[in-house]
Full PDB file with SEQRES, HELIX, SHEET, SSBOND, CRYST1, ORIGX, SCALE, CONECT and MASTER records, all heavy atoms in Angstrom:
SEQRES   1 A   43  GLN GLU ALA GLY VAL ALA SER SER ILE THR TYR GLU ASN          
SEQRES   2 A   43  LYS GLY GLY ALA ALA GLY ALA ILE GLY LEU ALA GLN PHE          
SEQRES   3 A   43  TYR ASN ALA ARG LYS GLY ASP GLY ASP ALA LEU MET VAL          
SEQRES   4 A   43  MET GLY ALA VAL                                              
HELIX    1 AA1 ALA A   17  GLY A   19  5                                   3    
HELIX    2 AA2 ALA A   20  ALA A   29  1                                  10    
CRYST1    1.000    1.000    1.000  90.00  90.00  90.00 P 1           1          
ORIGX1      1.000000  0.000000  0.000000        0.00000                         
ORIGX2      0.000000  1.000000  0.000000        0.00000                         
ORIGX3      0.000000  0.000000  1.000000        0.00000                         
SCALE1      1.000000  0.000000  0.000000        0.00000                         
SCALE2      0.000000  1.000000  0.000000        0.00000                         
SCALE3      0.000000  0.000000  1.000000        0.00000                         
ATOM      1  N   GLN A   1     -10.402  31.212  11.109  1.00  0.00           N  
ATOM      2  CA  GLN A   1     -10.521  31.566  12.560  1.00  0.00           C  
ATOM      3  C   GLN A   1      -9.735  32.848  12.829  1.00  0.00           C  
ATOM      4  O   GLN A   1     -10.126  33.707  13.558  1.00  0.00           O  
ATOM      5  CB  GLN A   1     -10.095  30.429  13.444  1.00  0.00           C  
ATOM      6  CG  GLN A   1     -11.170  29.273  13.463  1.00  0.00           C  
ATOM      7  CD  GLN A   1     -10.690  28.129  14.456  1.00  0.00           C  
ATOM      8  OE1 GLN A   1      -9.900  27.419  14.183  1.00  0.00           O  
ATOM      9  NE2 GLN A   1     -11.417  28.182  15.556  1.00  0.00           N  
ATOM     10  N   GLU A   2      -8.508  32.909  12.257  1.00  0.00           N  
ATOM     11  CA  GLU A   2      -7.735  34.168  12.528  1.00  0.00           C  
ATOM     12  C   GLU A   2      -8.415  35.350  11.914  1.00  0.00           C  
ATOM     13  O   GLU A   2      -8.380  36.462  12.475  1.00  0.00           O  
ATOM     14  CB  GLU A   2      -6.337  33.977  11.817  1.00  0.00           C  
ATOM     15  CG  GLU A   2      -5.470  35.198  12.027  1.00  0.00           C  
ATOM     16  CD  GLU A   2      -4.099  35.122  11.299  1.00  0.00           C  
ATOM     17  OE1 GLU A   2      -3.587  33.993  11.096  1.00  0.00           O  
ATOM     18  OE2 GLU A   2      -3.621  36.173  10.875  1.00  0.00           O  
ATOM     19  N   ALA A   3      -9.056  35.155  10.772  1.00  0.00           N  
ATOM     20  CA  ALA A   3      -9.757  36.251  10.140  1.00  0.00           C  
ATOM     21  C   ALA A   3     -11.089  36.680  10.846  1.00  0.00           C  
ATOM     22  O   ALA A   3     -11.633  37.683  10.541  1.00  0.00           O  
ATOM     23  CB  ALA A   3     -10.122  35.891   8.625  1.00  0.00           C  
ATOM     24  N   GLY A   4     -11.512  35.830  11.793  1.00  0.00           N  
ATOM     25  CA  GLY A   4     -12.707  36.081  12.558  1.00  0.00           C  
ATOM     26  C   GLY A   4     -13.971  35.807  11.826  1.00  0.00           C  
ATOM     27  O   GLY A   4     -15.101  36.271  12.214  1.00  0.00           O  
ATOM     28  N   VAL A   5     -13.913  34.955  10.759  1.00  0.00           N  
ATOM     29  CA  VAL A   5     -15.119  34.629  10.043  1.00  0.00           C  
ATOM     30  C   VAL A   5     -15.758  33.342  10.460  1.00  0.00           C  
ATOM     31  O   VAL A   5     -16.849  32.926   9.988  1.00  0.00           O  
ATOM     32  CB  VAL A   5     -14.875  34.658   8.474  1.00  0.00           C  
ATOM     33  CG1 VAL A   5     -14.482  36.039   7.987  1.00  0.00           C  
ATOM     34  CG2 VAL A   5     -13.865  33.593   8.115  1.00  0.00           C  
ATOM     35  N   ALA A   6     -15.094  32.614  11.283  1.00  0.00           N  
ATOM     36  CA  ALA A   6     -15.640  31.405  11.900  1.00  0.00           C  
ATOM     37  C   ALA A   6     -15.120  31.179  13.291  1.00  0.00           C  
ATOM     38  O   ALA A   6     -13.837  31.331  13.501  1.00  0.00           O  
ATOM     39  CB  ALA A   6     -15.243  30.177  11.061  1.00  0.00           C  
ATOM     40  N   SER A   7     -16.015  31.014  14.236  1.00  0.00           N  
ATOM     41  CA  SER A   7     -15.515  30.870  15.620  1.00  0.00           C  
ATOM     42  C   SER A   7     -14.945  29.524  15.925  1.00  0.00           C  
ATOM     43  O   SER A   7     -14.039  29.420  16.794  1.00  0.00           O  
ATOM     44  CB  SER A   7     -16.686  31.148  16.570  1.00  0.00           C  
ATOM     45  OG  SER A   7     -17.743  30.249  16.378  1.00  0.00           O  
ATOM     46  N   SER A   8     -15.379  28.509  15.187  1.00  0.00           N  
ATOM     47  CA  SER A   8     -14.863  27.101  15.384  1.00  0.00           C  
ATOM     48  C   SER A   8     -14.981  26.354  14.064  1.00  0.00           C  
ATOM     49  O   SER A   8     -15.840  26.657  13.252  1.00  0.00           O  
ATOM     50  CB  SER A   8     -15.587  26.419  16.483  1.00  0.00           C  
ATOM     51  OG  SER A   8     -16.936  26.266  16.163  1.00  0.00           O  
ATOM     52  N   ILE A   9     -14.195  25.324  13.933  1.00  0.00           N  
ATOM     53  CA  ILE A   9     -14.185  24.505  12.704  1.00  0.00           C  
ATOM     54  C   ILE A   9     -14.358  23.015  13.118  1.00  0.00           C  
ATOM     55  O   ILE A   9     -13.600  22.561  13.947  1.00  0.00           O  
ATOM     56  CB  ILE A   9     -12.922  24.660  11.872  1.00  0.00           C  
ATOM     57  CG1 ILE A   9     -12.528  26.124  11.619  1.00  0.00           C  
ATOM     58  CG2 ILE A   9     -13.031  23.964  10.553  1.00  0.00           C  
ATOM     59  CD1 ILE A   9     -13.371  26.881  10.631  1.00  0.00           C  
ATOM     60  N   THR A  10     -15.263  22.349  12.486  1.00  0.00           N  
ATOM     61  CA  THR A  10     -15.384  20.910  12.639  1.00  0.00           C  
ATOM     62  C   THR A  10     -14.903  20.265  11.365  1.00  0.00           C  
ATOM     63  O   THR A  10     -15.391  20.476  10.284  1.00  0.00           O  
ATOM     64  CB  THR A  10     -16.838  20.440  12.863  1.00  0.00           C  
ATOM     65  OG1 THR A  10     -17.337  21.087  14.065  1.00  0.00           O  
ATOM     66  CG2 THR A  10     -16.903  18.953  12.993  1.00  0.00           C  
ATOM     67  N   TYR A  11     -13.759  19.473  11.481  1.00  0.00           N  
ATOM     68  CA  TYR A  11     -13.235  18.816  10.332  1.00  0.00           C  
ATOM     69  C   TYR A  11     -13.665  17.386  10.251  1.00  0.00           C  
ATOM     70  O   TYR A  11     -13.787  16.653  11.262  1.00  0.00           O  
ATOM     71  CB  TYR A  11     -11.658  18.785  10.454  1.00  0.00           C  
ATOM     72  CG  TYR A  11     -11.012  20.184  10.551  1.00  0.00           C  
ATOM     73  CD1 TYR A  11     -10.733  20.752  11.765  1.00  0.00           C  
ATOM     74  CD2 TYR A  11     -10.747  20.935   9.419  1.00  0.00           C  
ATOM     75  CE1 TYR A  11     -10.147  21.978  11.848  1.00  0.00           C  
ATOM     76  CE2 TYR A  11     -10.185  22.186   9.515  1.00  0.00           C  
ATOM     77  CZ  TYR A  11      -9.902  22.725  10.700  1.00  0.00           C  
ATOM     78  OH  TYR A  11      -9.297  23.951  10.804  1.00  0.00           O  
ATOM     79  N   GLU A  12     -13.918  16.897   9.020  1.00  0.00           N  
ATOM     80  CA  GLU A  12     -14.320  15.499   8.849  1.00  0.00           C  
ATOM     81  C   GLU A  12     -13.517  14.982   7.696  1.00  0.00           C  
ATOM     82  O   GLU A  12     -13.548  15.475   6.501  1.00  0.00           O  
ATOM     83  CB  GLU A  12     -15.771  15.388   8.533  1.00  0.00           C  
ATOM     84  CG  GLU A  12     -16.179  13.872   8.377  1.00  0.00           C  
ATOM     85  CD  GLU A  12     -17.695  13.712   8.222  1.00  0.00           C  
ATOM     86  OE1 GLU A  12     -18.389  14.705   8.145  1.00  0.00           O  
ATOM     87  OE2 GLU A  12     -18.169  12.528   8.278  1.00  0.00           O  
ATOM     88  N   ASN A  13     -12.728  13.928   7.873  1.00  0.00           N  
ATOM     89  CA  ASN A  13     -11.979  13.249   6.849  1.00  0.00           C  
ATOM     90  C   ASN A  13     -12.723  12.037   6.328  1.00  0.00           C  
ATOM     91  O   ASN A  13     -13.149  11.223   7.188  1.00  0.00           O  
ATOM     92  CB  ASN A  13     -10.621  12.782   7.371  1.00  0.00           C  
ATOM     93  CG  ASN A  13      -9.650  13.925   7.535  1.00  0.00           C  
ATOM     94  OD1 ASN A  13      -9.622  14.557   8.601  1.00  0.00           O  
ATOM     95  ND2 ASN A  13      -8.839  14.246   6.596  1.00  0.00           N  
ATOM     96  N   LYS A  14     -12.937  11.891   5.044  1.00  0.00           N  
ATOM     97  CA  LYS A  14     -13.599  10.773   4.485  1.00  0.00           C  
ATOM     98  C   LYS A  14     -12.902  10.467   3.148  1.00  0.00           C  
ATOM     99  O   LYS A  14     -13.252  11.039   2.087  1.00  0.00           O  
ATOM    100  CB  LYS A  14     -15.073  11.055   4.283  1.00  0.00           C  
ATOM    101  CG  LYS A  14     -15.908   9.899   3.755  1.00  0.00           C  
ATOM    102  CD  LYS A  14     -16.008   8.748   4.751  1.00  0.00           C  
ATOM    103  CE  LYS A  14     -16.780   9.131   5.983  1.00  0.00           C  
ATOM    104  NZ  LYS A  14     -17.009   8.028   6.875  1.00  0.00           N  
ATOM    105  N   GLY A  15     -11.908   9.593   3.142  1.00  0.00           N  
ATOM    106  CA  GLY A  15     -11.099   9.378   1.997  1.00  0.00           C  
ATOM    107  C   GLY A  15     -11.641   8.283   1.026  1.00  0.00           C  
ATOM    108  O   GLY A  15     -12.525   7.522   1.407  1.00  0.00           O  
ATOM    109  N   GLY A  16     -11.053   8.231  -0.145  1.00  0.00           N  
ATOM    110  CA  GLY A  16     -11.371   7.158  -1.092  1.00  0.00           C  
ATOM    111  C   GLY A  16     -11.912   7.640  -2.385  1.00  0.00           C  
ATOM    112  O   GLY A  16     -12.624   8.678  -2.443  1.00  0.00           O  
ATOM    113  N   ALA A  17     -11.544   6.908  -3.499  1.00  0.00           N  
ATOM    114  CA  ALA A  17     -12.163   7.109  -4.853  1.00  0.00           C  
ATOM    115  C   ALA A  17     -11.990   8.565  -5.315  1.00  0.00           C  
ATOM    116  O   ALA A  17     -12.928   9.152  -5.843  1.00  0.00           O  
ATOM    117  CB  ALA A  17     -13.604   6.725  -4.823  1.00  0.00           C  
ATOM    118  N   ALA A  18     -10.760   9.101  -5.164  1.00  0.00           N  
ATOM    119  CA  ALA A  18     -10.444  10.481  -5.680  1.00  0.00           C  
ATOM    120  C   ALA A  18     -11.383  11.533  -5.119  1.00  0.00           C  
ATOM    121  O   ALA A  18     -11.698  12.529  -5.709  1.00  0.00           O  
ATOM    122  CB  ALA A  18     -10.502  10.504  -7.173  1.00  0.00           C  
ATOM    123  N   GLY A  19     -11.828  11.255  -3.853  1.00  0.00           N  
ATOM    124  CA  GLY A  19     -12.692  12.238  -3.159  1.00  0.00           C  
ATOM    125  C   GLY A  19     -14.197  11.974  -3.359  1.00  0.00           C  
ATOM    126  O   GLY A  19     -15.002  12.662  -2.798  1.00  0.00           O  
ATOM    127  N   ALA A  20     -14.551  10.948  -4.178  1.00  0.00           N  
ATOM    128  CA  ALA A  20     -15.973  10.719  -4.498  1.00  0.00           C  
ATOM    129  C   ALA A  20     -16.764  10.284  -3.262  1.00  0.00           C  
ATOM    130  O   ALA A  20     -18.002  10.588  -3.197  1.00  0.00           O  
ATOM    131  CB  ALA A  20     -16.049   9.679  -5.615  1.00  0.00           C  
ATOM    132  N   ILE A  21     -16.195   9.538  -2.362  1.00  0.00           N  
ATOM    133  CA  ILE A  21     -16.816   9.113  -1.178  1.00  0.00           C  
ATOM    134  C   ILE A  21     -17.225  10.272  -0.299  1.00  0.00           C  
ATOM    135  O   ILE A  21     -18.358  10.401   0.182  1.00  0.00           O  
ATOM    136  CB  ILE A  21     -16.050   8.005  -0.432  1.00  0.00           C  
ATOM    137  CG1 ILE A  21     -15.889   6.828  -1.256  1.00  0.00           C  
ATOM    138  CG2 ILE A  21     -16.687   7.646   0.856  1.00  0.00           C  
ATOM    139  CD1 ILE A  21     -14.903   5.733  -0.724  1.00  0.00           C  
ATOM    140  N   GLY A  22     -16.241  11.122  -0.022  1.00  0.00           N  
ATOM    141  CA  GLY A  22     -16.519  12.321   0.769  1.00  0.00           C  
ATOM    142  C   GLY A  22     -17.467  13.280   0.060  1.00  0.00           C  
ATOM    143  O   GLY A  22     -18.308  13.893   0.752  1.00  0.00           O  
ATOM    144  N   LEU A  23     -17.294  13.441  -1.265  1.00  0.00           N  
ATOM    145  CA  LEU A  23     -18.217  14.299  -2.004  1.00  0.00           C  
ATOM    146  C   LEU A  23     -19.702  13.782  -1.838  1.00  0.00           C  
ATOM    147  O   LEU A  23     -20.609  14.587  -1.630  1.00  0.00           O  
ATOM    148  CB  LEU A  23     -17.876  14.226  -3.490  1.00  0.00           C  
ATOM    149  CG  LEU A  23     -18.873  14.876  -4.445  1.00  0.00           C  
ATOM    150  CD1 LEU A  23     -19.069  16.328  -4.135  1.00  0.00           C  
ATOM    151  CD2 LEU A  23     -18.381  14.718  -5.916  1.00  0.00           C  
ATOM    152  N   ALA A  24     -19.949  12.518  -2.001  1.00  0.00           N  
ATOM    153  CA  ALA A  24     -21.277  11.908  -1.853  1.00  0.00           C  
ATOM    154  C   ALA A  24     -21.867  12.198  -0.454  1.00  0.00           C  
ATOM    155  O   ALA A  24     -23.024  12.595  -0.329  1.00  0.00           O  
ATOM    156  CB  ALA A  24     -21.281  10.456  -2.180  1.00  0.00           C  
ATOM    157  N   GLN A  25     -21.022  12.006   0.557  1.00  0.00           N  
ATOM    158  CA  GLN A  25     -21.461  12.297   1.910  1.00  0.00           C  
ATOM    159  C   GLN A  25     -21.813  13.785   2.105  1.00  0.00           C  
ATOM    160  O   GLN A  25     -22.789  14.153   2.765  1.00  0.00           O  
ATOM    161  CB  GLN A  25     -20.468  11.819   2.918  1.00  0.00           C  
ATOM    162  CG  GLN A  25     -20.948  12.042   4.358  1.00  0.00           C  
ATOM    163  CD  GLN A  25     -20.037  11.287   5.361  1.00  0.00           C  
ATOM    164  OE1 GLN A  25     -19.669  10.132   5.131  1.00  0.00           O  
ATOM    165  NE2 GLN A  25     -19.635  12.004   6.421  1.00  0.00           N  
ATOM    166  N   PHE A  26     -20.933  14.652   1.622  1.00  0.00           N  
ATOM    167  CA  PHE A  26     -21.133  16.114   1.679  1.00  0.00           C  
ATOM    168  C   PHE A  26     -22.430  16.518   0.943  1.00  0.00           C  
ATOM    169  O   PHE A  26     -23.244  17.249   1.516  1.00  0.00           O  
ATOM    170  CB  PHE A  26     -19.902  16.795   1.066  1.00  0.00           C  
ATOM    171  CG  PHE A  26     -20.003  18.299   1.116  1.00  0.00           C  
ATOM    172  CD1 PHE A  26     -19.759  18.981   2.332  1.00  0.00           C  
ATOM    173  CD2 PHE A  26     -20.214  19.035   0.025  1.00  0.00           C  
ATOM    174  CE1 PHE A  26     -19.744  20.346   2.387  1.00  0.00           C  
ATOM    175  CE2 PHE A  26     -20.227  20.487   0.031  1.00  0.00           C  
ATOM    176  CZ  PHE A  26     -20.015  21.109   1.274  1.00  0.00           C  
ATOM    177  N   TYR A  27     -22.628  16.020  -0.228  1.00  0.00           N  
ATOM    178  CA  TYR A  27     -23.804  16.341  -0.974  1.00  0.00           C  
ATOM    179  C   TYR A  27     -25.105  15.923  -0.265  1.00  0.00           C  
ATOM    180  O   TYR A  27     -26.045  16.688  -0.136  1.00  0.00           O  
ATOM    181  CB  TYR A  27     -23.726  15.630  -2.400  1.00  0.00           C  
ATOM    182  CG  TYR A  27     -24.991  15.708  -3.210  1.00  0.00           C  
ATOM    183  CD1 TYR A  27     -25.390  16.920  -3.778  1.00  0.00           C  
ATOM    184  CD2 TYR A  27     -25.845  14.624  -3.292  1.00  0.00           C  
ATOM    185  CE1 TYR A  27     -26.537  17.038  -4.518  1.00  0.00           C  
ATOM    186  CE2 TYR A  27     -27.036  14.740  -4.029  1.00  0.00           C  
ATOM    187  CZ  TYR A  27     -27.360  15.904  -4.633  1.00  0.00           C  
ATOM    188  OH  TYR A  27     -28.517  16.027  -5.361  1.00  0.00           O  
ATOM    189  N   ASN A  28     -25.110  14.640   0.277  1.00  0.00           N  
ATOM    190  CA  ASN A  28     -26.328  14.156   0.899  1.00  0.00           C  
ATOM    191  C   ASN A  28     -26.578  14.784   2.255  1.00  0.00           C  
ATOM    192  O   ASN A  28     -27.738  14.936   2.647  1.00  0.00           O  
ATOM    193  CB  ASN A  28     -26.242  12.625   1.010  1.00  0.00           C  
ATOM    194  CG  ASN A  28     -26.313  11.909  -0.291  1.00  0.00           C  
ATOM    195  OD1 ASN A  28     -27.149  12.267  -1.138  1.00  0.00           O  
ATOM    196  ND2 ASN A  28     -25.477  10.925  -0.562  1.00  0.00           N  
ATOM    197  N   ALA A  29     -25.562  15.079   3.045  1.00  0.00           N  
ATOM    198  CA  ALA A  29     -25.683  15.533   4.407  1.00  0.00           C  
ATOM    199  C   ALA A  29     -25.886  17.039   4.588  1.00  0.00           C  
ATOM    200  O   ALA A  29     -26.341  17.510   5.575  1.00  0.00           O  
ATOM    201  CB  ALA A  29     -24.529  15.002   5.285  1.00  0.00           C  
ATOM    202  N   ARG A  30     -25.376  17.821   3.586  1.00  0.00           N  
ATOM    203  CA  ARG A  30     -25.269  19.247   3.812  1.00  0.00           C  
ATOM    204  C   ARG A  30     -26.065  20.107   2.844  1.00  0.00           C  
ATOM    205  O   ARG A  30     -25.833  21.294   2.735  1.00  0.00           O  
ATOM    206  CB  ARG A  30     -23.791  19.685   3.647  1.00  0.00           C  
ATOM    207  CG  ARG A  30     -22.798  19.025   4.698  1.00  0.00           C  
ATOM    208  CD  ARG A  30     -23.181  19.353   6.075  1.00  0.00           C  
ATOM    209  NE  ARG A  30     -22.277  18.726   7.067  1.00  0.00           N  
ATOM    210  CZ  ARG A  30     -22.555  18.559   8.342  1.00  0.00           C  
ATOM    211  NH1 ARG A  30     -23.754  19.026   8.752  1.00  0.00           N  
ATOM    212  NH2 ARG A  30     -21.698  17.992   9.162  1.00  0.00           N  
ATOM    213  N   LYS A  31     -27.087  19.514   2.187  1.00  0.00           N  
ATOM    214  CA  LYS A  31     -27.923  20.340   1.300  1.00  0.00           C  
ATOM    215  C   LYS A  31     -28.474  21.558   1.983  1.00  0.00           C  
ATOM    216  O   LYS A  31     -29.104  21.493   3.038  1.00  0.00           O  
ATOM    217  CB  LYS A  31     -29.028  19.495   0.706  1.00  0.00           C  
ATOM    218  CG  LYS A  31     -28.577  18.401  -0.260  1.00  0.00           C  
ATOM    219  CD  LYS A  31     -29.730  17.557  -0.768  1.00  0.00           C  
ATOM    220  CE  LYS A  31     -29.253  16.476  -1.685  1.00  0.00           C  
ATOM    221  NZ  LYS A  31     -30.374  15.553  -2.119  1.00  0.00           N  
ATOM    222  N   GLY A  32     -28.283  22.759   1.360  1.00  0.00           N  
ATOM    223  CA  GLY A  32     -28.830  23.958   1.873  1.00  0.00           C  
ATOM    224  C   GLY A  32     -28.080  24.539   3.086  1.00  0.00           C  
ATOM    225  O   GLY A  32     -28.462  25.517   3.676  1.00  0.00           O  
ATOM    226  N   ASP A  33     -26.991  23.914   3.492  1.00  0.00           N  
ATOM    227  CA  ASP A  33     -26.262  24.340   4.653  1.00  0.00           C  
ATOM    228  C   ASP A  33     -25.247  25.370   4.284  1.00  0.00           C  
ATOM    229  O   ASP A  33     -24.155  25.089   3.679  1.00  0.00           O  
ATOM    230  CB  ASP A  33     -25.558  23.099   5.354  1.00  0.00           C  
ATOM    231  CG  ASP A  33     -24.924  23.457   6.694  1.00  0.00           C  
ATOM    232  OD1 ASP A  33     -24.778  24.654   7.021  1.00  0.00           O  
ATOM    233  OD2 ASP A  33     -24.597  22.492   7.465  1.00  0.00           O  
ATOM    234  N   GLY A  34     -25.450  26.607   4.703  1.00  0.00           N  
ATOM    235  CA  GLY A  34     -24.486  27.705   4.382  1.00  0.00           C  
ATOM    236  C   GLY A  34     -23.309  27.751   5.313  1.00  0.00           C  
ATOM    237  O   GLY A  34     -22.464  28.669   5.110  1.00  0.00           O  
ATOM    238  N   ASP A  35     -23.189  26.821   6.206  1.00  0.00           N  
ATOM    239  CA  ASP A  35     -22.049  26.750   7.137  1.00  0.00           C  
ATOM    240  C   ASP A  35     -21.157  25.611   6.890  1.00  0.00           C  
ATOM    241  O   ASP A  35     -20.478  25.030   7.732  1.00  0.00           O  
ATOM    242  CB  ASP A  35     -22.540  26.668   8.607  1.00  0.00           C  
ATOM    243  CG  ASP A  35     -23.191  27.964   9.079  1.00  0.00           C  
ATOM    244  OD1 ASP A  35     -22.701  29.047   8.707  1.00  0.00           O  
ATOM    245  OD2 ASP A  35     -24.110  27.853   9.873  1.00  0.00           O  
ATOM    246  N   ALA A  36     -21.073  25.168   5.569  1.00  0.00           N  
ATOM    247  CA  ALA A  36     -20.326  23.984   5.250  1.00  0.00           C  
ATOM    248  C   ALA A  36     -19.442  24.252   3.977  1.00  0.00           C  
ATOM    249  O   ALA A  36     -19.902  24.909   3.023  1.00  0.00           O  
ATOM    250  CB  ALA A  36     -21.293  22.792   4.972  1.00  0.00           C  
ATOM    251  N   LEU A  37     -18.275  23.671   4.003  1.00  0.00           N  
ATOM    252  CA  LEU A  37     -17.333  23.737   2.881  1.00  0.00           C  
ATOM    253  C   LEU A  37     -16.742  22.378   2.637  1.00  0.00           C  
ATOM    254  O   LEU A  37     -16.632  21.615   3.607  1.00  0.00           O  
ATOM    255  CB  LEU A  37     -16.229  24.758   3.131  1.00  0.00           C  
ATOM    256  CG  LEU A  37     -16.550  26.243   3.114  1.00  0.00           C  
ATOM    257  CD1 LEU A  37     -15.361  27.075   3.449  1.00  0.00           C  
ATOM    258  CD2 LEU A  37     -16.911  26.663   1.618  1.00  0.00           C  
ATOM    259  N   MET A  38     -16.328  22.150   1.429  1.00  0.00           N  
ATOM    260  CA  MET A  38     -15.621  20.928   1.076  1.00  0.00           C  
ATOM    261  C   MET A  38     -14.344  21.210   0.320  1.00  0.00           C  
ATOM    262  O   MET A  38     -14.426  22.018  -0.634  1.00  0.00           O  
ATOM    263  CB  MET A  38     -16.471  19.966   0.267  1.00  0.00           C  
ATOM    264  CG  MET A  38     -15.803  18.691  -0.164  1.00  0.00           C  
ATOM    265  SD  MET A  38     -16.743  17.701  -1.400  1.00  0.00           S  
ATOM    266  CE  MET A  38     -16.553  18.767  -2.868  1.00  0.00           C  
ATOM    267  N   VAL A  39     -13.184  20.666   0.656  1.00  0.00           N  
ATOM    268  CA  VAL A  39     -11.986  20.794  -0.104  1.00  0.00           C  
ATOM    269  C   VAL A  39     -12.040  19.946  -1.299  1.00  0.00           C  
ATOM    270  O   VAL A  39     -12.615  18.831  -1.262  1.00  0.00           O  
ATOM    271  CB  VAL A  39     -10.774  20.388   0.797  1.00  0.00           C  
ATOM    272  CG1 VAL A  39      -9.489  20.594   0.017  1.00  0.00           C  
ATOM    273  CG2 VAL A  39     -10.755  21.234   2.040  1.00  0.00           C  
ATOM    274  N   MET A  40     -11.549  20.424  -2.419  1.00  0.00           N  
ATOM    275  CA  MET A  40     -11.493  19.589  -3.659  1.00  0.00           C  
ATOM    276  C   MET A  40     -10.399  20.129  -4.549  1.00  0.00           C  
ATOM    277  O   MET A  40      -9.630  21.009  -4.155  1.00  0.00           O  
ATOM    278  CB  MET A  40     -12.902  19.685  -4.368  1.00  0.00           C  
ATOM    279  CG  MET A  40     -13.387  21.078  -4.650  1.00  0.00           C  
ATOM    280  SD  MET A  40     -12.643  21.910  -6.119  1.00  0.00           S  
ATOM    281  CE  MET A  40     -13.254  20.856  -7.429  1.00  0.00           C  
ATOM    282  N   GLY A  41     -10.319  19.572  -5.763  1.00  0.00           N  
ATOM    283  CA  GLY A  41      -9.304  20.030  -6.666  1.00  0.00           C  
ATOM    284  C   GLY A  41      -9.242  19.205  -7.953  1.00  0.00           C  
ATOM    285  O   GLY A  41     -10.185  18.500  -8.210  1.00  0.00           O  
ATOM    286  N   ALA A  42      -8.116  19.413  -8.689  1.00  0.00           N  
ATOM    287  CA  ALA A  42      -8.017  18.699  -9.946  1.00  0.00           C  
ATOM    288  C   ALA A  42      -8.161  17.192  -9.819  1.00  0.00           C  
ATOM    289  O   ALA A  42      -8.607  16.533 -10.701  1.00  0.00           O  
ATOM    290  CB  ALA A  42      -6.621  19.062 -10.563  1.00  0.00           C  
ATOM    291  N   VAL A  43      -7.656  16.623  -8.648  1.00  0.00           N  
ATOM    292  CA  VAL A  43      -7.719  15.199  -8.481  1.00  0.00           C  
ATOM    293  C   VAL A  43      -9.188  14.716  -8.519  1.00  0.00           C  
ATOM    294  O   VAL A  43      -9.479  13.649  -9.126  1.00  0.00           O  
ATOM    295  CB  VAL A  43      -7.124  14.827  -7.103  1.00  0.00           C  
ATOM    296  CG1 VAL A  43      -7.386  13.352  -6.795  1.00  0.00           C  
ATOM    297  CG2 VAL A  43      -5.584  15.117  -7.143  1.00  0.00           C  
TER     298      VAL A  43                                                      
MASTER        0    0    0    2    0    0    0    6  297    1    0    4          
END                                                                             
């Protein structure tokens, strides 16, 4: 937002199974959506 590349952010927390639950929801709900990101990492 400070950089001016997004006017607003909608955050969604979905915990569990080393991120697998949130990953599955992100995959199914956001296919083809260029306005979506998911945090991830080594875990």
